[in-house]
Amino acid sequence: MNIRNKLINSKAFIFEETEYFWHKNPLFEFKGFSGKSEESLNFNTDQIYLGLTKESLIFLNDLNLGKLALNPDLIIFASRHRSKAQRPAFLAHLTGNWSSKAEFGGNPSELSLASALLFKAGILSLLENSKICTVLANFSTDIEVTHHGPTTLEKPLIFMELGSTKEEWSIDEAGEVVANSIINAIYKYLDFKEKKDQYIGLGFGGTHYAPNFQRLVINSNVAMSFICPKYYIQELNRDLIAQMIENNLESVDYFIIDWKGTNSEDKKHLVPLLEEFDIPIKKTKDF
């Protein structure tokens, strides 16, 4: 895969093959950046591993770590993205199913484990690295709402993706942007975790590419976790909202509604549900 190859063969950082195998493929361990740097020294106690599976990521229901002496804290899935619009894009999102259907992996009405700080770190890293590469000026960088599987893995996870056709998947510079962003996202996550200066939000309303929530993440000290789009608001119940709260690694500070991106009928269903929980309700425009 283009992104994996860019990680292993990067001129910026070093991965070394280990004795471990995952899904019948060797695991690689991050050994730092090429040459001596202060950043490399920051990973004295943190380990990063790179694995490959030929299974479809959205249907990956078991990490199969039983035979490995590894217990990862977080997972970043490097993935290809497909869309009907076929627009060139870098994307990040969390996973989960809002309805009783689970056609694209995971279980019905179930959300994965998540980290809002890792999600924010992922999207900011994609934005920063894509701006550096001027030949990719036609690529957008987008937050997607929570969708598809897996939902049963025991670790918080995000998808960081390269979209949306074979043409973009084969562009070396595009693969390099995602590869560099994955490493950068880990640094950003650790920085957010140490500083403790981010408010954690759960999102409701808006469209699949969640522009209002993206602006919020980029322009404020709010990190979004799960985002339920407008077309699934009527599917929400107390159990799903409880999952949104409990499945996020960090404590939730706000419910945040894209007010203009939610119609009156959906608000009538949503607001009373949210009021059952002891979490303040905000609008995206409040920030």
Protein backbone atom coordinates (compact mmCIF):
# COMPACT_ATOMS: atom_id res chain seq x y z
CA MET A 1 0.00 0.00 0.00
CA ASN A 2 1.24 3.48 -0.88
CA ILE A 3 0.95 4.92 2.65
CA ARG A 4 2.62 1.90 4.30
CA ASN A 5 5.48 2.01 1.82
CA LYS A 6 5.95 5.71 2.49
CA LEU A 7 6.23 4.98 6.21
CA ILE A 8 8.69 2.12 5.86
CA ASN A 9 10.83 3.81 3.21
CA SER A 10 10.62 7.35 4.55
CA LYS A 11 13.68 9.59 4.45
CA ALA A 12 12.35 11.49 7.45
CA PHE A 13 11.97 8.69 9.99
CA ILE A 14 13.06 5.10 10.58
CA PHE A 15 11.03 1.89 10.90
CA GLU A 16 12.81 -1.40 11.58
CA GLU A 17 11.38 -4.87 11.05
CA THR A 18 10.79 -6.78 14.29
CA GLU A 19 10.51 -10.46 15.17
CA TYR A 20 6.75 -10.07 15.61
CA PHE A 21 4.13 -10.99 13.03
CA TRP A 22 0.59 -9.65 12.83
CA HIS A 23 -1.92 -11.12 10.38
CA LYS A 24 0.97 -13.12 8.88
CA ASN A 25 2.92 -9.95 8.09
CA PRO A 26 5.99 -8.63 9.92
CA LEU A 27 5.52 -5.77 12.35
CA PHE A 28 7.79 -2.75 12.02
CA GLU A 29 8.82 -0.57 14.96
CA PHE A 30 9.35 3.18 14.81
CA LYS A 31 12.92 4.03 15.80
CA GLY A 32 12.82 7.80 15.52
CA PHE A 33 13.65 10.40 12.93
CA SER A 34 16.54 10.19 10.51
CA GLY A 35 19.54 11.82 12.15
CA LYS A 36 19.62 13.06 15.70
CA SER A 37 16.79 15.31 16.74
CA GLU A 38 15.07 16.42 19.89
CA GLU A 39 11.81 14.88 18.62
CA SER A 40 13.41 11.44 18.39
CA LEU A 41 14.42 11.60 22.02
CA ASN A 42 10.81 12.16 23.10
CA PHE A 43 9.95 8.56 22.27
CA ASN A 44 12.11 6.97 24.96
CA THR A 45 9.04 5.51 26.66
CA ASP A 46 6.57 5.38 23.76
CA GLN A 47 6.49 2.65 21.14
CA ILE A 48 4.91 2.84 17.70
CA TYR A 49 4.33 -0.25 15.57
CA LEU A 50 3.33 -0.51 11.94
CA GLY A 51 1.35 -3.54 10.82
CA LEU A 52 -0.35 -4.74 7.65
CA THR A 53 -3.48 -6.82 7.21
CA LYS A 54 -5.12 -7.93 3.98
CA GLU A 55 -8.48 -8.06 5.73
CA SER A 56 -10.88 -5.22 5.06
CA LEU A 57 -10.34 -2.72 7.87
CA ILE A 58 -14.02 -1.93 8.28
CA PHE A 59 -14.74 -5.62 8.96
CA LEU A 60 -11.76 -6.13 11.29
CA ASN A 61 -13.52 -7.33 14.45
CA ASP A 62 -10.50 -8.71 16.30
CA LEU A 63 -6.98 -7.29 16.53
CA ASN A 64 -5.59 -10.81 17.10
CA LEU A 65 -3.03 -9.61 19.63
CA GLY A 66 -3.21 -12.74 21.75
CA LYS A 67 0.14 -14.15 20.60
CA LEU A 68 1.90 -10.78 20.70
CA ALA A 69 3.49 -9.20 23.77
CA LEU A 70 1.92 -5.89 22.71
CA ASN A 71 -0.88 -3.88 24.25
CA PRO A 72 -1.38 -0.71 22.20
CA ASP A 73 -3.08 2.30 23.76
CA LEU A 74 -4.41 3.72 20.49
CA ILE A 75 -4.78 2.65 16.86
CA ILE A 76 -4.52 4.68 13.66
CA PHE A 77 -5.83 2.95 10.54
CA ALA A 78 -4.20 4.21 7.34
CA SER A 79 -6.84 3.64 4.69
CA ARG A 80 -7.97 4.38 1.17
CA HIS A 81 -11.18 6.36 0.87
CA ARG A 82 -13.82 5.96 -1.83
CA SER A 83 -16.61 8.41 -2.56
CA LYS A 84 -19.16 8.96 -5.31
CA ALA A 85 -17.87 12.49 -5.77
CA GLN A 86 -14.37 11.08 -6.41
CA ARG A 87 -12.76 14.27 -5.16
CA PRO A 88 -9.08 14.27 -4.14
CA ALA A 89 -9.04 14.49 -0.36
CA PHE A 90 -7.33 13.72 2.93
CA LEU A 91 -9.78 12.64 5.60
CA ALA A 92 -10.10 11.57 9.22
CA HIS A 93 -13.02 10.09 11.14
CA LEU A 94 -14.17 7.86 13.99
CA THR A 95 -16.15 4.67 13.50
CA GLY A 96 -19.58 3.46 14.53
CA ASN A 97 -23.10 2.64 13.33
CA TRP A 98 -26.00 4.88 14.28
CA SER A 99 -28.78 2.65 13.01
CA SER A 100 -30.00 -0.93 13.15
CA LYS A 101 -28.12 -1.62 9.92
CA ALA A 102 -24.41 -2.47 9.75
CA GLU A 103 -23.73 -3.02 6.06
CA PHE A 104 -20.18 -1.71 6.26
CA GLY A 105 -18.76 -3.49 9.27
CA GLY A 106 -19.21 -3.41 13.01
CA ASN A 107 -22.40 -4.09 14.93
CA PRO A 108 -25.75 -2.30 14.56
CA SER A 109 -26.29 0.68 16.88
CA GLU A 110 -22.77 0.42 18.24
CA LEU A 111 -19.85 2.85 18.42
CA SER A 112 -16.16 2.06 18.62
CA LEU A 113 -13.84 3.30 21.35
CA ALA A 114 -12.45 6.73 20.55
CA SER A 115 -10.18 9.60 21.55
CA ALA A 116 -11.23 13.14 20.70
CA LEU A 117 -7.63 14.31 21.20
CA LEU A 118 -6.30 11.77 18.71
CA PHE A 119 -9.05 12.71 16.24
CA LYS A 120 -8.13 16.40 16.48
CA ALA A 121 -4.44 15.57 16.21
CA GLY A 122 -5.14 13.56 13.06
CA ILE A 123 -7.09 16.23 11.20
CA LEU A 124 -4.69 19.05 12.15
CA SER A 125 -1.73 16.96 11.02
CA LEU A 126 -3.36 16.27 7.66
CA LEU A 127 -4.06 19.98 7.21
CA GLU A 128 -0.51 21.01 8.05
CA ASN A 129 1.23 18.41 5.91
CA SER A 130 -1.05 18.89 2.90
CA LYS A 131 -0.32 22.65 2.86
CA ILE A 132 3.41 21.97 2.63
CA CYS A 133 2.97 19.98 -0.60
CA THR A 134 1.99 22.55 -3.23
CA VAL A 135 1.52 19.95 -5.99
CA LEU A 136 -1.55 18.71 -4.08
CA ALA A 137 -3.36 22.05 -4.07
CA ASN A 138 -6.52 20.41 -5.47
CA PHE A 139 -6.84 18.12 -2.43
CA SER A 140 -9.28 19.05 0.32
CA THR A 141 -8.82 18.05 3.95
CA ASP A 142 -12.03 16.93 5.60
CA ILE A 143 -13.50 15.67 8.84
CA GLU A 144 -16.09 12.98 8.24
CA VAL A 145 -18.88 12.13 10.65
CA THR A 146 -18.77 8.84 12.54
CA HIS A 147 -19.53 5.94 10.20
CA HIS A 148 -18.91 2.25 9.34
CA GLY A 149 -16.97 -0.40 11.29
CA PRO A 150 -15.12 -1.68 13.14
CA THR A 151 -17.00 -1.19 16.40
CA THR A 152 -15.85 -4.13 18.54
CA LEU A 153 -12.11 -3.49 18.92
CA GLU A 154 -10.91 -2.92 22.47
CA LYS A 155 -8.77 0.15 21.67
CA PRO A 156 -9.63 3.75 20.74
CA LEU A 157 -9.09 4.25 17.02
CA ILE A 158 -9.27 6.72 14.15
CA PHE A 159 -9.12 6.37 10.38
CA MET A 160 -6.75 8.62 8.43
CA GLU A 161 -7.50 8.30 4.74
CA LEU A 162 -6.36 9.12 1.21
CA GLY A 163 -9.19 9.58 -1.26
CA SER A 164 -10.85 8.99 -3.46
CA THR A 165 -9.83 7.05 -6.64
CA LYS A 166 -6.96 4.90 -7.90
CA GLU A 167 -5.44 8.01 -9.44
CA GLU A 168 -5.00 9.71 -6.04
CA TRP A 169 -3.98 6.48 -4.29
CA SER A 170 -1.01 6.15 -6.64
CA ILE A 171 0.32 9.71 -6.15
CA ASP A 172 3.57 9.44 -4.19
CA GLU A 173 3.25 12.88 -2.62
CA ALA A 174 -0.27 12.12 -1.41
CA GLY A 175 0.82 8.90 0.25
CA GLU A 176 3.68 10.77 1.85
CA VAL A 177 1.31 13.40 3.28
CA VAL A 178 -0.76 10.75 5.05
CA ALA A 179 2.34 8.87 6.23
CA ASN A 180 3.93 12.01 7.69
CA SER A 181 0.60 13.06 9.20
CA ILE A 182 0.24 9.77 11.07
CA ILE A 183 3.58 10.24 12.83
CA ASN A 184 2.84 13.92 13.41
CA ALA A 185 -0.58 13.06 14.86
CA ILE A 186 1.03 10.93 17.55
CA TYR A 187 3.17 13.88 18.65
CA LYS A 188 0.18 16.20 18.64
CA TYR A 189 -1.87 13.74 20.66
CA LEU A 190 0.83 13.46 23.32
CA ASP A 191 1.11 17.26 23.40
CA PHE A 192 -2.67 17.72 23.82
CA LYS A 193 -2.70 15.05 26.52
CA GLU A 194 0.09 16.76 28.45
CA LYS A 195 -1.24 20.31 28.16
CA LYS A 196 -4.84 19.43 29.07
CA ASP A 197 -6.09 22.56 27.34
CA GLN A 198 -8.78 21.09 25.09
CA TYR A 199 -12.52 20.91 25.71
CA ILE A 200 -14.14 17.68 24.52
CA GLY A 201 -17.32 17.81 22.44
CA LEU A 202 -19.84 15.34 21.03
CA GLY A 203 -21.43 16.53 17.78
CA PHE A 204 -24.96 16.39 16.41
CA GLY A 205 -26.34 17.51 13.04
CA GLY A 206 -24.90 18.71 9.78
CA THR A 207 -23.75 16.78 6.73
CA HIS A 208 -21.32 13.93 6.16
CA TYR A 209 -18.25 16.16 5.80
CA ALA A 210 -19.16 18.24 8.89
CA PRO A 211 -17.73 21.64 7.83
CA ASN A 212 -19.01 23.49 10.90
CA PHE A 213 -17.46 20.97 13.27
CA GLN A 214 -14.24 21.10 11.27
CA ARG A 215 -14.06 24.88 11.63
CA LEU A 216 -14.66 24.46 15.35
CA VAL A 217 -11.81 21.97 15.71
CA ILE A 218 -9.40 24.07 13.67
CA ASN A 219 -10.19 27.47 15.16
CA SER A 220 -10.77 26.74 18.86
CA ASN A 221 -9.58 24.65 21.77
CA VAL A 222 -12.39 22.13 21.20
CA ALA A 223 -11.64 18.53 20.23
CA MET A 224 -14.59 16.66 18.75
CA SER A 225 -15.28 13.01 19.38
CA PHE A 226 -18.28 11.21 17.84
CA ILE A 227 -20.38 13.20 15.36
CA CYS A 228 -23.90 12.04 14.50
CA PRO A 229 -25.09 13.64 11.21
CA LYS A 230 -28.57 15.05 10.69
CA TYR A 231 -29.87 12.02 8.81
CA TYR A 232 -29.37 9.77 11.86
CA ILE A 233 -30.72 12.09 14.57
CA GLN A 234 -34.03 10.22 14.69
CA GLU A 235 -32.11 6.97 15.32
CA LEU A 236 -30.58 8.35 18.51
CA ASN A 237 -31.68 7.01 21.87
CA ARG A 238 -30.38 7.10 25.42
CA ASP A 239 -28.17 4.04 24.86
CA LEU A 240 -26.37 5.53 21.84
CA ILE A 241 -25.75 8.83 23.61
CA ALA A 242 -24.44 6.94 26.62
CA GLN A 243 -22.05 5.11 24.28
CA MET A 244 -20.86 8.45 22.88
CA ILE A 245 -19.97 9.54 26.39
CA GLU A 246 -18.58 6.30 27.80
CA ASN A 247 -16.66 5.14 24.70
CA ASN A 248 -14.57 8.30 24.49
CA LEU A 249 -11.23 8.11 26.26
CA GLU A 250 -11.49 11.66 27.62
CA SER A 251 -14.30 13.09 29.76
CA VAL A 252 -16.91 14.94 27.70
CA ASP A 253 -17.42 18.66 28.36
CA TYR A 254 -20.17 19.58 25.89
CA PHE A 255 -22.91 18.31 23.61
CA ILE A 256 -22.53 20.50 20.51
CA ILE A 257 -25.33 20.91 17.96
CA ASP A 258 -24.89 22.20 14.43
CA TRP A 259 -28.07 24.23 14.91
CA LYS A 260 -28.53 25.36 11.31
CA GLY A 261 -27.69 21.85 10.13
CA THR A 262 -30.52 20.29 12.16
CA ASN A 263 -34.20 20.70 11.29
CA SER A 264 -36.95 21.47 13.81
CA GLU A 265 -38.29 17.91 14.00
CA ASP A 266 -34.83 16.53 14.70
CA LYS A 267 -34.28 19.16 17.39
CA LYS A 268 -37.54 18.11 19.07
CA HIS A 269 -36.21 14.56 19.23
CA LEU A 270 -32.62 15.41 20.12
CA VAL A 271 -32.73 18.14 22.75
CA PRO A 272 -34.91 16.29 25.31
CA LEU A 273 -32.62 13.26 24.96
CA LEU A 274 -29.53 15.33 25.64
CA GLU A 275 -31.18 17.04 28.61
CA GLU A 276 -31.33 13.65 30.35
CA PHE A 277 -27.56 13.86 30.81
CA ASP A 278 -25.63 16.24 33.04
CA ILE A 279 -23.63 17.74 30.18
CA PRO A 280 -24.05 21.34 28.90
CA ILE A 281 -25.61 21.76 25.46
CA LYS A 282 -23.94 24.23 23.09
CA LYS A 283 -24.31 25.32 19.47
CA THR A 284 -21.38 25.42 17.05
CA LYS A 285 -21.81 29.19 16.80
CA ASP A 286 -21.28 29.54 20.58
CA PHE A 287 -17.54 29.04 20.17
